[in-house]
N, C-alpha and C. Protein backbone atom coordinates (compact mmCIF):
# COMPACT_ATOMS: atom_id res chain seq x y z
N MET A 1 23.91 113.38 278.75
CA MET A 1 23.60 113.50 277.65
C MET A 1 24.09 112.63 276.47
N ARG A 2 22.51 111.89 275.34
CA ARG A 2 23.27 110.93 274.80
C ARG A 2 23.78 111.36 273.57
N PHE A 3 24.16 110.99 272.84
CA PHE A 3 25.48 111.20 271.62
C PHE A 3 25.34 110.02 270.91
N PRO A 4 25.55 109.71 269.75
CA PRO A 4 25.51 111.51 268.78
C PRO A 4 23.88 111.90 268.49
N SER A 5 23.24 111.09 269.16
CA SER A 5 21.43 111.78 268.57
C SER A 5 21.14 112.79 268.86
N ARG A 6 21.23 113.63 270.33
CA ARG A 6 20.96 114.71 271.02
C ARG A 6 21.99 115.60 270.01
N LEU A 7 22.98 115.23 270.10
CA LEU A 7 23.79 116.65 269.72
C LEU A 7 23.38 116.49 267.89
N LEU A 8 23.42 115.53 267.30
CA LEU A 8 23.15 115.44 266.00
C LEU A 8 22.29 116.31 265.54
N CYS A 9 21.05 115.90 266.48
CA CYS A 9 19.99 116.21 266.02
C CYS A 9 20.20 118.33 266.50
N ALA A 10 20.37 118.16 267.30
CA ALA A 10 20.94 119.78 267.60
C ALA A 10 21.60 120.53 266.89
N ASN A 11 22.48 120.04 265.77
CA ASN A 11 23.05 120.46 265.07
C ASN A 11 22.22 120.45 263.51
N MET A 12 21.08 119.62 263.55
CA MET A 12 20.63 119.87 262.41
C MET A 12 19.41 120.92 262.93
N TRP A 13 18.97 121.03 263.82
CA TRP A 13 18.10 121.77 264.50
C TRP A 13 18.52 123.28 264.26
N VAL A 14 19.77 123.52 264.12
CA VAL A 14 20.42 124.92 263.96
C VAL A 14 20.77 125.18 262.61
N ALA A 15 21.44 124.28 262.05
CA ALA A 15 21.60 124.41 260.80
C ALA A 15 20.31 124.28 259.59
N GLY A 16 19.39 124.12 260.43
CA GLY A 16 17.86 124.02 259.41
C GLY A 16 17.45 125.43 259.37
N PHE A 17 17.67 125.82 260.96
CA PHE A 17 17.03 127.50 261.16
C PHE A 17 17.74 128.54 260.26
N ALA A 18 19.60 128.11 260.33
CA ALA A 18 20.39 129.00 259.40
C ALA A 18 20.11 128.86 258.28
N TRP A 19 20.34 127.91 257.54
CA TRP A 19 20.02 127.46 256.19
C TRP A 19 18.44 128.28 255.71
N LEU A 20 17.33 128.47 256.89
CA LEU A 20 16.41 129.18 256.21
C LEU A 20 16.70 130.47 256.10
N ALA A 21 17.30 131.11 257.50
CA ALA A 21 17.29 132.62 256.77
C ALA A 21 18.32 133.24 256.44
N TYR A 22 19.40 132.12 255.66
CA TYR A 22 20.24 132.00 254.44
C TYR A 22 19.38 132.17 253.11
N PHE A 23 18.58 131.17 252.82
CA PHE A 23 17.89 131.21 251.93
C PHE A 23 17.08 132.56 251.51
N VAL A 24 16.14 132.84 252.68
CA VAL A 24 15.67 134.42 252.36
C VAL A 24 16.46 135.43 251.98
N VAL A 25 17.86 135.55 252.66
CA VAL A 25 18.44 136.16 252.10
C VAL A 25 19.30 136.20 250.54
N ILE A 26 19.39 135.21 250.30
CA ILE A 26 19.91 134.78 248.94
C ILE A 26 18.69 135.29 247.80
N THR A 27 17.77 134.76 248.59
CA THR A 27 16.35 135.03 247.32
C THR A 27 16.49 136.61 247.12
N LEU A 28 16.65 136.95 248.13
CA LEU A 28 16.12 138.59 247.84
C LEU A 28 17.76 139.37 247.37
N VAL A 29 18.40 138.80 247.51
CA VAL A 29 20.36 139.29 246.55
C VAL A 29 19.36 139.11 245.36
N THR A 30 18.64 137.70 245.34
CA THR A 30 18.63 137.00 243.65
C THR A 30 17.48 138.18 243.09
N VAL A 31 16.43 138.51 243.58
CA VAL A 31 15.74 139.20 243.02
C VAL A 31 16.11 140.49 242.91
N GLY A 32 17.00 141.09 244.01
CA GLY A 32 17.71 142.52 243.80
C GLY A 32 18.46 142.48 242.46
N ILE A 33 19.52 141.48 242.44
CA ILE A 33 20.07 141.40 241.02
C ILE A 33 19.40 141.30 239.86
N ALA A 34 18.46 140.83 239.44
CA ALA A 34 17.08 140.78 238.79
C ALA A 34 16.90 142.22 238.18
N VAL A 35 16.81 142.88 239.53
CA VAL A 35 15.67 144.10 239.13
C VAL A 35 16.79 145.17 239.01
N TRP A 36 17.59 145.69 239.35
CA TRP A 36 18.99 146.33 239.59
C TRP A 36 20.19 146.02 238.63
N GLY A 37 20.20 144.93 237.81
CA GLY A 37 21.51 144.20 237.44
C GLY A 37 21.47 143.33 236.58
N ASP A 38 22.01 142.44 236.32
CA ASP A 38 21.60 141.64 235.07
C ASP A 38 22.12 139.98 235.94
N LEU A 39 21.18 139.68 235.62
CA LEU A 39 21.10 137.84 236.23
C LEU A 39 21.09 137.40 235.15
N ASP A 40 22.25 136.51 234.66
CA ASP A 40 22.32 135.29 234.09
C ASP A 40 23.06 133.82 234.38
N GLU A 41 22.91 133.76 236.14
CA GLU A 41 23.57 132.50 236.48
C GLU A 41 22.80 132.47 237.56
N SER A 42 23.38 131.12 238.41
CA SER A 42 22.79 130.99 239.14
C SER A 42 23.20 131.43 240.41
N VAL A 43 22.60 132.26 241.63
CA VAL A 43 23.16 132.78 242.56
C VAL A 43 23.49 131.54 243.86
N TRP A 44 23.14 130.65 243.66
CA TRP A 44 23.21 129.74 244.82
C TRP A 44 24.72 129.11 244.48
N GLU A 45 24.98 129.00 243.27
CA GLU A 45 26.47 128.34 243.34
C GLU A 45 27.38 129.22 243.50
N LYS A 46 27.19 130.58 243.71
CA LYS A 46 28.22 131.26 244.48
C LYS A 46 27.77 131.60 246.23
N ALA A 47 26.59 131.54 246.44
CA ALA A 47 25.93 131.22 248.03
C ALA A 47 26.36 130.01 248.53
N VAL A 48 27.02 128.77 247.69
CA VAL A 48 27.25 127.59 248.33
C VAL A 48 28.75 127.88 248.79
N GLN A 49 29.69 128.79 248.92
CA GLN A 49 30.81 129.30 249.38
C GLN A 49 30.79 129.23 250.78
N LEU A 50 29.78 130.05 251.58
CA LEU A 50 29.80 130.08 252.92
C LEU A 50 29.26 129.10 253.27
N THR A 51 28.58 128.22 252.87
CA THR A 51 28.07 127.03 253.47
C THR A 51 29.31 126.34 254.07
N ARG A 52 30.34 126.15 253.04
CA ARG A 52 31.28 125.20 253.23
C ARG A 52 32.22 125.61 254.26
N TRP A 53 32.18 126.80 255.13
CA TRP A 53 32.94 127.37 256.49
C TRP A 53 32.06 127.19 257.73
N TYR A 54 31.13 127.00 256.52
CA TYR A 54 30.12 126.97 258.38
C TYR A 54 29.97 125.54 258.73
N ALA A 55 30.36 124.28 257.63
CA ALA A 55 30.71 122.69 257.90
C ALA A 55 32.07 123.08 258.38
N LEU A 56 33.12 123.93 258.02
CA LEU A 56 34.09 123.69 258.48
C LEU A 56 34.38 123.73 260.12
N PHE A 57 33.64 125.39 260.58
CA PHE A 57 33.72 125.65 262.16
C PHE A 57 32.45 124.66 262.79
N ALA A 58 31.39 123.60 261.84
CA ALA A 58 30.51 122.57 262.90
C ALA A 58 32.17 121.39 263.04
N GLY A 59 32.67 121.42 262.21
CA GLY A 59 33.82 120.86 262.66
C GLY A 59 34.55 120.89 263.80
N VAL A 60 34.64 122.08 263.71
CA VAL A 60 35.83 122.62 264.56
C VAL A 60 35.18 122.62 266.28
N ALA A 61 33.63 122.68 266.20
CA ALA A 61 33.25 123.00 267.63
C ALA A 61 33.40 121.74 267.57
N LEU A 62 32.96 120.89 266.93
CA LEU A 62 32.66 119.12 267.54
C LEU A 62 33.88 118.81 268.56
N VAL A 63 35.27 119.21 268.14
CA VAL A 63 36.08 118.63 269.04
C VAL A 63 36.17 119.94 270.12
N THR A 64 36.69 121.08 269.88
CA THR A 64 36.79 121.88 270.93
C THR A 64 36.04 121.99 272.28
N GLU A 65 34.80 122.12 271.66
CA GLU A 65 33.45 122.66 272.59
C GLU A 65 32.90 120.88 273.04
N PHE A 66 33.09 120.09 272.13
CA PHE A 66 32.15 118.95 272.75
C PHE A 66 33.21 117.45 273.40
N LEU A 67 34.32 117.70 272.46
CA LEU A 67 35.59 116.68 273.32
C LEU A 67 35.48 116.89 274.59
N PRO A 68 35.90 117.87 275.45
CA PRO A 68 36.40 117.80 276.96
C PRO A 68 34.92 117.82 277.70
N LEU A 69 34.20 118.17 276.92
CA LEU A 69 32.86 118.07 277.97
C LEU A 69 32.48 116.79 277.93
N PHE A 70 32.40 115.89 277.10
CA PHE A 70 31.51 114.20 277.04
C PHE A 70 33.07 113.38 277.76
N ILE A 71 34.24 113.71 277.49
CA ILE A 71 35.19 113.11 278.59
C ILE A 71 35.14 113.61 280.11
N ALA A 72 34.96 114.72 280.31
CA ALA A 72 34.41 115.35 281.57
C ALA A 72 32.77 114.55 281.84
N HIS A 73 32.51 114.06 281.35
CA HIS A 73 31.26 113.77 281.68
C HIS A 73 31.23 112.09 281.74
N GLY A 74 32.45 111.20 281.67
CA GLY A 74 32.67 109.96 281.67
C GLY A 74 33.07 109.20 280.67
N GLN A 75 32.57 109.80 279.41
CA GLN A 75 33.05 109.06 278.34
C GLN A 75 34.43 108.79 278.16
N SER A 76 34.52 107.52 277.38
CA SER A 76 35.98 107.50 276.55
C SER A 76 36.37 108.24 275.67
N ARG A 77 37.27 108.31 274.93
CA ARG A 77 37.82 108.75 273.98
C ARG A 77 37.35 107.90 272.28
N ARG A 78 37.72 106.79 272.84
CA ARG A 78 37.14 105.94 271.87
C ARG A 78 35.53 106.26 271.59
N GLN A 79 34.79 105.94 272.87
CA GLN A 79 33.43 106.66 272.39
C GLN A 79 33.31 107.65 271.74
N PHE A 80 33.94 108.78 272.28
CA PHE A 80 33.61 109.70 271.49
C PHE A 80 34.14 110.15 270.30
N GLY A 81 35.17 109.32 269.79
CA GLY A 81 35.87 109.40 268.39
C GLY A 81 34.25 108.33 267.11
N PHE A 82 34.16 107.58 268.22
CA PHE A 82 33.36 106.85 267.11
C PHE A 82 32.30 107.49 266.90
N GLN A 83 31.26 108.08 268.07
CA GLN A 83 30.53 108.56 268.06
C GLN A 83 30.36 110.17 266.75
N ALA A 84 31.17 111.02 267.28
CA ALA A 84 31.95 112.01 266.63
C ALA A 84 32.00 111.79 264.85
N ALA A 85 31.95 110.60 264.64
CA ALA A 85 32.17 109.97 263.32
C ALA A 85 31.23 109.51 262.58
N VAL A 86 30.24 109.04 263.40
CA VAL A 86 28.74 109.16 263.04
C VAL A 86 28.18 110.05 262.92
N THR A 87 28.23 111.11 263.73
CA THR A 87 27.63 112.57 263.48
C THR A 87 28.18 112.93 262.09
N LEU A 88 29.22 113.52 262.07
CA LEU A 88 30.05 113.84 260.83
C LEU A 88 29.67 113.29 259.38
N ALA A 89 29.43 111.80 259.67
CA ALA A 89 29.10 110.90 258.53
C ALA A 89 27.21 111.19 258.38
N ILE A 90 27.07 111.54 259.05
CA ILE A 90 25.26 111.36 258.97
C ILE A 90 24.87 113.51 258.81
N PHE A 91 25.96 113.93 258.98
CA PHE A 91 25.55 115.35 259.20
C PHE A 91 25.99 116.37 257.41
N ALA A 92 27.24 115.58 256.90
CA ALA A 92 27.16 115.76 255.96
C ALA A 92 26.22 116.24 254.77
N PRO A 93 26.13 114.46 254.45
CA PRO A 93 24.40 114.71 253.20
C PRO A 93 23.56 115.26 254.05
N PHE A 94 23.04 115.38 255.35
CA PHE A 94 21.91 116.58 255.97
C PHE A 94 22.04 117.82 255.36
N LEU A 95 23.29 118.41 255.17
CA LEU A 95 23.80 119.74 254.73
C LEU A 95 23.62 119.63 253.54
N SER A 96 23.90 118.42 252.53
CA SER A 96 23.90 118.66 250.99
C SER A 96 22.41 118.40 250.56
N VAL A 97 21.74 117.67 251.53
CA VAL A 97 20.15 118.02 250.89
C VAL A 97 19.28 119.20 250.91
N LEU A 98 19.78 120.08 252.23
CA LEU A 98 19.76 121.70 252.33
C LEU A 98 19.89 122.55 250.84
N LEU A 99 21.41 121.75 250.24
CA LEU A 99 21.91 122.29 249.11
C LEU A 99 20.69 122.18 248.04
N VAL A 100 20.38 120.81 247.89
CA VAL A 100 19.82 120.17 247.14
C VAL A 100 18.44 121.05 247.12
N ILE A 101 17.42 121.36 247.80
CA ILE A 101 16.28 122.04 248.06
C ILE A 101 16.00 123.47 247.52
N SER A 102 17.82 123.86 248.03
CA SER A 102 18.05 125.43 247.40
C SER A 102 17.85 125.53 246.04
N PHE A 103 18.78 124.60 245.48
CA PHE A 103 18.94 124.78 243.89
C PHE A 103 17.58 124.33 243.23
N LEU A 104 16.60 123.36 243.60
CA LEU A 104 15.39 123.13 243.22
C LEU A 104 14.51 124.27 243.28
N LEU A 105 14.45 124.98 244.20
CA LEU A 105 13.77 126.51 244.62
C LEU A 105 14.10 127.46 243.78
N GLU A 106 15.30 127.36 243.45
CA GLU A 106 15.86 128.63 242.61
C GLU A 106 15.64 127.95 241.17
N SER A 107 15.28 127.07 241.13
CA SER A 107 15.19 126.77 239.25
C SER A 107 13.46 126.80 239.31
N VAL A 108 12.81 126.66 240.42
CA VAL A 108 11.69 127.47 240.74
C VAL A 108 11.08 128.59 240.30
N LEU A 109 11.78 129.61 241.05
CA LEU A 109 12.08 131.11 240.74
C LEU A 109 12.21 131.13 239.32
N TYR A 110 13.69 130.92 238.99
CA TYR A 110 14.19 130.93 237.29
C TYR A 110 12.92 130.90 236.61
N GLY A 111 12.35 129.70 236.81
CA GLY A 111 11.55 128.96 236.02
C GLY A 111 10.23 129.87 235.87
N VAL A 112 9.67 130.12 236.89
CA VAL A 112 8.17 131.46 236.79
C VAL A 112 8.67 132.69 236.01
N THR A 113 9.68 133.60 236.55
CA THR A 113 10.53 134.58 235.84
C THR A 113 10.66 134.62 234.45
N GLY A 114 11.20 133.58 234.39
CA GLY A 114 12.32 133.63 232.83
C GLY A 114 13.37 134.09 232.94
N TRP A 115 13.83 134.09 234.10
CA TRP A 115 15.64 134.16 234.47
C TRP A 115 16.04 133.50 233.67
N THR A 116 17.89 133.80 233.22
CA THR A 116 18.05 132.80 232.57
C THR A 116 19.18 132.09 233.71
N TRP A 117 19.34 130.55 234.57
CA TRP A 117 19.99 129.78 234.85
C TRP A 117 21.36 129.69 234.33
N ALA A 118 22.46 129.40 234.53
CA ALA A 118 23.68 128.67 234.27
C ALA A 118 24.52 128.97 235.37
N LEU A 119 25.76 128.06 235.15
CA LEU A 119 26.73 127.76 235.91
C LEU A 119 28.14 128.42 235.91
N ASP A 120 28.42 128.93 236.19
CA ASP A 120 30.01 129.86 236.06
C ASP A 120 31.17 128.61 236.24
N HIS A 121 30.71 127.53 237.02
CA HIS A 121 31.92 127.04 237.08
C HIS A 121 31.74 125.03 236.76
N ALA A 122 32.87 124.57 236.83
CA ALA A 122 32.83 122.84 236.12
C ALA A 122 31.88 122.20 237.65
N HIS A 123 30.85 121.56 237.54
CA HIS A 123 30.28 120.55 238.46
C HIS A 123 30.18 119.58 237.73
N LEU A 124 29.78 118.49 238.77
CA LEU A 124 28.96 117.32 238.86
C LEU A 124 27.75 117.52 237.69
N PHE A 125 27.57 118.37 238.16
CA PHE A 125 25.71 118.40 237.54
C PHE A 125 25.73 119.66 236.59
N THR A 126 24.91 119.88 235.84
CA THR A 126 24.44 120.82 234.82
C THR A 126 23.16 121.78 234.73
N ALA A 127 22.25 120.74 235.55
CA ALA A 127 21.10 121.38 235.99
C ALA A 127 20.44 121.34 237.02
N PRO A 128 19.48 122.28 237.78
CA PRO A 128 18.80 122.38 239.21
C PRO A 128 18.25 121.28 239.14
N THR A 129 17.65 120.46 238.46
CA THR A 129 16.70 119.43 238.55
C THR A 129 17.72 117.75 238.94
N GLN A 130 19.06 118.02 238.42
CA GLN A 130 19.65 116.48 238.77
C GLN A 130 20.10 116.68 240.12
N VAL A 131 19.23 116.20 240.98
CA VAL A 131 19.65 115.73 242.38
C VAL A 131 20.54 115.24 242.52
N PRO A 132 20.51 113.46 242.04
CA PRO A 132 21.19 112.73 242.58
C PRO A 132 22.91 113.48 242.64
N LEU A 133 23.16 114.14 241.07
CA LEU A 133 24.18 114.79 241.41
C LEU A 133 24.69 115.83 241.90
N ILE A 134 23.77 116.69 242.47
CA ILE A 134 24.08 117.74 243.12
C ILE A 134 24.23 117.43 244.91
N PHE A 135 23.67 116.23 245.06
CA PHE A 135 23.73 115.59 246.42
C PHE A 135 25.01 115.08 246.66
N VAL A 136 25.08 114.30 245.70
CA VAL A 136 26.81 113.79 245.94
C VAL A 136 27.61 114.77 245.96
N GLU A 137 27.88 115.32 244.96
CA GLU A 137 28.91 117.06 244.88
C GLU A 137 28.86 117.24 246.14
N TYR A 138 28.31 118.13 246.93
CA TYR A 138 27.89 118.34 248.23
C TYR A 138 28.05 117.86 249.14
N THR A 139 27.52 116.53 249.38
CA THR A 139 28.04 115.20 250.20
C THR A 139 29.48 115.12 250.36
N VAL A 140 30.03 115.18 249.64
CA VAL A 140 31.86 115.03 249.09
C VAL A 140 32.38 116.24 249.85
N MET A 141 31.95 117.50 249.28
CA MET A 141 32.36 118.52 249.51
C MET A 141 32.11 118.55 251.35
N PHE A 142 31.10 118.75 252.08
CA PHE A 142 30.82 118.52 252.94
C PHE A 142 31.58 117.77 254.27
N LEU A 143 32.09 116.41 253.58
CA LEU A 143 33.03 115.36 254.16
C LEU A 143 34.08 116.08 254.56
N ALA A 144 34.51 116.26 253.58
CA ALA A 144 36.11 116.91 253.72
C ALA A 144 36.12 118.19 254.55
N TRP A 145 35.11 118.92 254.33
CA TRP A 145 35.15 120.21 255.27
C TRP A 145 35.05 120.25 256.63
N LEU A 146 33.86 119.36 257.20
CA LEU A 146 33.81 118.93 258.30
C LEU A 146 34.88 118.00 259.20
N VAL A 147 35.69 117.00 258.21
CA VAL A 147 36.39 116.60 259.04
C VAL A 147 37.91 117.34 258.97
N THR A 148 37.95 117.97 257.95
CA THR A 148 39.06 119.05 258.11
C THR A 148 39.17 120.01 259.58
N GLY A 149 37.90 120.43 259.43
CA GLY A 149 37.67 121.54 260.65
C GLY A 149 37.92 120.42 262.12
N ALA A 150 37.54 119.29 262.42
CA ALA A 150 37.93 118.07 263.43
C ALA A 150 38.96 118.17 263.58
N PHE A 151 39.66 117.83 262.45
CA PHE A 151 41.18 117.63 262.65
C PHE A 151 42.13 118.38 263.07
N VAL A 152 41.91 119.81 262.43
CA VAL A 152 42.74 120.95 262.59
C VAL A 152 42.57 121.12 264.17
N SER A 153 41.27 120.97 264.30
CA SER A 153 40.47 121.42 265.63
C SER A 153 41.10 121.22 266.75
N ALA A 154 41.16 119.51 266.66
CA ALA A 154 42.04 118.76 267.54
C ALA A 154 43.85 118.80 267.70
N ALA A 155 44.17 119.39 265.90
CA ALA A 155 45.51 119.54 266.56
C ALA A 155 45.49 120.80 267.58
N PHE A 156 44.83 121.82 267.24
CA PHE A 156 44.98 123.19 267.76
C PHE A 156 44.86 122.69 269.84
N TYR A 157 43.68 121.44 269.82
CA TYR A 157 42.90 121.72 271.38
C TYR A 157 44.83 120.82 271.81
N ARG A 158 44.78 119.95 271.40
CA ARG A 158 46.35 119.27 271.81
C ARG A 158 47.59 120.45 272.36
N TRP A 159 48.50 120.58 270.96
CA TRP A 159 49.28 121.30 270.77
C TRP A 159 49.47 122.47 270.79
N GLN A 160 47.80 123.40 270.63
CA GLN A 160 47.78 124.67 270.82
C GLN A 160 48.68 125.22 269.40
N GLY A 161 49.47 125.89 269.67
CA GLY A 161 50.15 127.07 268.50
C GLY A 161 51.19 125.52 267.46
N GLY A 162 51.29 124.60 268.13
CA GLY A 162 51.59 123.73 267.57
C GLY A 162 50.24 122.82 266.00
N GLY A 163 49.70 123.36 266.32
CA GLY A 163 48.47 122.87 265.39
C GLY A 163 48.67 123.62 264.20
N LEU A 164 49.47 124.62 263.97
CA LEU A 164 49.70 124.94 262.71
C LEU A 164 50.18 124.42 261.58
N LEU A 165 50.86 123.32 261.81
CA LEU A 165 51.48 122.36 261.40
C LEU A 165 50.54 121.34 260.25
N ALA A 166 49.00 121.58 261.40
CA ALA A 166 48.11 120.62 260.76
C ALA A 166 47.45 121.65 259.80
N VAL A 167 47.54 122.51 260.02
CA VAL A 167 46.91 123.43 258.71
C VAL A 167 47.17 122.77 257.22
N PRO A 168 48.67 123.02 256.45
CA PRO A 168 48.63 122.81 255.37
C PRO A 168 48.33 121.07 254.70
N VAL A 169 48.13 120.32 255.57
CA VAL A 169 47.83 118.92 255.85
C VAL A 169 46.03 119.27 255.63
N GLY A 170 45.30 120.09 256.09
CA GLY A 170 43.90 120.36 256.19
C GLY A 170 43.53 120.86 254.71
N ILE A 171 44.36 121.89 254.32
CA ILE A 171 44.03 122.41 253.20
C ILE A 171 44.34 121.15 251.90
N VAL A 172 45.40 120.76 252.02
CA VAL A 172 45.46 119.44 250.83
C VAL A 172 44.01 118.55 250.76
N MET A 173 43.50 118.18 252.17
CA MET A 173 42.56 117.52 251.93
C MET A 173 41.69 118.12 250.93
N ILE A 174 41.05 119.32 251.92
CA ILE A 174 40.13 119.86 251.12
C ILE A 174 40.17 120.21 249.65
N LEU A 175 41.34 120.56 249.03
CA LEU A 175 41.80 121.05 247.63
C LEU A 175 41.69 119.61 247.01
N PHE A 176 41.87 118.57 247.45
CA PHE A 176 41.92 116.95 246.61
C PHE A 176 40.30 116.67 246.50
N ALA A 177 39.40 116.97 247.69
CA ALA A 177 38.01 116.30 247.48
C ALA A 177 37.49 117.86 246.57
N GLN A 178 37.79 119.03 246.68
CA GLN A 178 36.84 119.58 245.70
C GLN A 178 37.64 119.80 244.43
N SER A 179 38.99 119.34 244.53
CA SER A 179 39.00 119.07 242.75
C SER A 179 38.21 117.76 242.03
N ALA A 180 38.07 117.07 242.86
CA ALA A 180 37.00 115.49 242.66
C ALA A 180 35.89 116.30 242.37
N ILE A 181 35.18 117.32 242.55
CA ILE A 181 34.07 117.47 241.87
C ILE A 181 33.98 119.00 241.12
N GLY A 182 35.45 119.64 240.68
CA GLY A 182 35.58 120.24 239.45
C GLY A 182 35.76 121.55 240.38
N ASP A 183 35.92 121.78 241.43
CA ASP A 183 36.33 123.26 241.84
C ASP A 183 38.11 122.98 242.60
N LYS A 184 37.96 123.78 241.15
CA LYS A 184 39.89 124.13 241.72
C LYS A 184 40.16 125.55 242.43
N MET A 185 39.65 125.67 242.82
CA MET A 185 39.88 127.10 243.79
C MET A 185 38.61 127.47 245.10
N PRO A 186 38.64 126.12 245.91
CA PRO A 186 37.81 126.55 246.72
C PRO A 186 38.07 127.56 248.12
N LEU A 187 39.55 128.07 248.15
CA LEU A 187 39.90 128.59 248.88
C LEU A 187 40.07 130.41 248.94
N PRO A 188 39.47 131.47 249.47
CA PRO A 188 39.57 132.77 249.24
C PRO A 188 40.52 133.39 249.70
N PHE A 189 40.45 134.38 248.60
CA PHE A 189 41.90 135.64 247.97
C PHE A 189 42.61 134.47 247.42
N ILE A 190 42.30 133.59 246.72
CA ILE A 190 43.43 133.10 245.32
C ILE A 190 42.62 133.17 244.14
N THR A 191 43.43 133.55 243.20
CA THR A 191 42.99 133.83 241.68
C THR A 191 43.90 133.28 241.07
N PHE A 192 44.46 132.26 240.92
CA PHE A 192 45.20 131.20 240.07
C PHE A 192 44.44 129.97 240.58
N LYS A 193 44.88 129.01 239.69
CA LYS A 193 44.10 127.75 240.04
C LYS A 193 44.69 126.81 240.27
N LEU A 194 44.19 126.46 241.55
CA LEU A 194 44.60 125.68 242.91
C LEU A 194 44.05 124.02 242.75
N GLY A 195 44.44 123.30 243.45
CA GLY A 195 44.11 121.88 243.07
C GLY A 195 44.57 120.81 242.24
N PHE A 196 44.06 119.28 242.45
CA PHE A 196 44.34 118.64 241.64
C PHE A 196 43.73 118.46 240.76
N ASP A 197 44.72 117.84 239.44
CA ASP A 197 44.06 118.25 238.15
C ASP A 197 43.33 116.68 238.26
N LEU A 198 41.78 116.80 238.13
CA LEU A 198 40.94 115.47 238.46
C LEU A 198 40.02 115.65 237.58
N GLN A 199 39.77 114.36 236.47
CA GLN A 199 38.81 114.74 235.89
C GLN A 199 37.16 114.25 236.76
N GLU A 200 36.17 115.33 236.58
CA GLU A 200 35.08 115.13 237.32
C GLU A 200 34.58 113.98 237.01
N SER A 201 33.82 112.95 237.86
CA SER A 201 33.13 112.02 237.66
C SER A 201 32.78 111.62 239.09
N VAL A 202 31.31 111.16 239.47
CA VAL A 202 31.01 110.50 240.33
C VAL A 202 31.47 109.67 240.83
N GLY A 203 32.08 108.62 240.17
CA GLY A 203 32.54 107.47 240.79
C GLY A 203 33.63 107.75 241.49
N LEU A 204 34.99 108.93 240.63
CA LEU A 204 35.47 109.53 241.67
C LEU A 204 35.51 110.23 242.72
N ALA A 205 34.46 110.93 242.24
CA ALA A 205 34.36 111.89 243.51
C ALA A 205 34.02 111.54 244.94
N LEU A 206 32.92 110.15 244.58
CA LEU A 206 32.36 109.61 246.13
C LEU A 206 34.33 108.70 246.42
N THR A 207 34.93 108.16 245.86
CA THR A 207 36.26 107.90 246.33
C THR A 207 36.90 109.09 246.98
N ALA A 208 37.13 110.20 246.28
CA ALA A 208 37.87 111.22 247.08
C ALA A 208 37.27 111.55 248.43
N GLY A 209 35.79 112.05 247.98
CA GLY A 209 35.27 111.73 249.38
C GLY A 209 35.83 111.49 250.49
N LEU A 210 35.66 109.90 250.00
CA LEU A 210 35.41 108.91 251.69
C LEU A 210 36.58 108.91 252.06
N ALA A 211 37.82 108.77 250.89
CA ALA A 211 38.85 108.48 251.47
C ALA A 211 39.65 109.86 251.89
N THR A 212 39.47 111.24 251.36
CA THR A 212 39.78 112.62 252.23
C THR A 212 39.06 112.14 254.17
N PHE A 213 37.81 111.35 253.77
CA PHE A 213 36.83 111.57 254.86
C PHE A 213 37.64 110.40 256.18
N ALA A 214 38.34 109.47 255.61
CA ALA A 214 38.80 108.30 256.31
C ALA A 214 39.88 108.98 256.56
N VAL A 215 40.92 109.34 255.94
CA VAL A 215 42.28 109.81 256.30
C VAL A 215 42.09 111.10 257.20
N GLY A 216 41.09 111.87 257.38
CA GLY A 216 41.08 112.82 258.40
C GLY A 216 40.14 112.44 259.64
N LEU A 217 39.69 111.50 259.60
CA LEU A 217 39.05 110.77 260.88
C LEU A 217 40.29 109.91 261.87
N GLY A 218 41.18 109.37 260.67
CA GLY A 218 42.22 108.48 261.34
C GLY A 218 43.38 109.51 261.80
N LEU A 219 43.69 110.76 261.31
CA LEU A 219 44.48 111.92 261.72
C LEU A 219 44.28 112.08 262.83
N THR A 220 42.40 112.61 263.03
CA THR A 220 41.94 113.19 264.36
C THR A 220 41.91 112.46 265.89
N TRP A 221 42.06 110.69 265.25
CA TRP A 221 42.19 109.94 266.15
C TRP A 221 43.00 109.57 266.62
N LEU A 222 44.23 110.10 266.00
CA LEU A 222 45.37 109.99 266.68
C LEU A 222 46.03 110.70 267.38
N ILE A 223 45.28 111.92 267.32
CA ILE A 223 45.21 113.29 268.01
C ILE A 223 44.35 112.88 269.19
N ILE A 224 43.71 112.76 269.10
CA ILE A 224 42.55 112.81 270.14
C ILE A 224 42.79 111.44 271.06
N ARG A 225 43.42 110.42 270.73
CA ARG A 225 43.19 108.80 271.71
C ARG A 225 43.85 109.14 273.03
N ASP A 226 44.74 110.25 272.95
CA ASP A 226 45.28 109.77 274.69
C ASP A 226 45.14 111.43 274.58
N VAL A 227 44.81 112.36 274.25
CA VAL A 227 44.82 113.52 274.56
C VAL A 227 44.05 114.08 275.98
N PRO A 228 45.28 114.93 276.87
CA PRO A 228 44.71 115.51 278.12
C PRO A 228 43.54 116.82 278.23
N LEU A 229 43.16 116.45 279.26
CA LEU A 229 41.90 117.75 279.40
C LEU A 229 42.64 118.80 279.38
N ARG A 230 41.98 119.97 279.16
CA ARG A 230 42.45 121.38 279.58
C ARG A 230 42.28 121.59 280.91
N ASN A 231 43.00 122.53 281.72
CA ASN A 231 42.90 122.54 283.42
C ASN A 231 41.48 123.08 283.49
N ASN A 232 41.18 124.07 282.42
CA ASN A 232 39.94 125.10 282.50
C ASN A 232 38.88 124.25 282.60
N VAL A 233 38.72 122.97 281.63
CA VAL A 233 37.51 122.28 281.35
C VAL A 233 36.93 121.83 282.81
């Protein structure tokens, strides 16, 4: 199997179909709220929350499923580490593009129907047509969640229960990146302000996203560079 091209294309293919199905569901939810309730803000702003968990588990699968597979088929850990980094670096902006399309199509729907479009939280963007800002914000988000998934899953793969020690580090990585794009409450079941007190700006967001990605890749490499294969692989 060629890597990263085939694996990357497979992930894009699955993500594309998942997005299409998700878009239909969110559109139906939007119409339902407008018909039976009060629609005065963007539904996709809330719907984004599920997409970042999708990215997290995509990062998890990259290590738990494909690391042992490719090593068992003759690739070195260094080769896999490089190719996995390339895959994550391309997959994050691809997922961001899907959200850009989502916001644009949502704006068309709201414009045709006369519904009010507004944001409930702080973002780098203030309108659904600000494509570059939307793209930057969610690329930063996906970079953080993808690499955190890979890092934490690598820790669990190598040390099993000891991987719990990596969870707090992963949370800090996510909070740092999310704070740079205005999201102070990115984790579920948390009702108080959580995150770093950062000013939202494109430059800071890109710096935070790239820094988080680099740190996450470095920590993941330290774990997998000599990781033994499990007996059941």
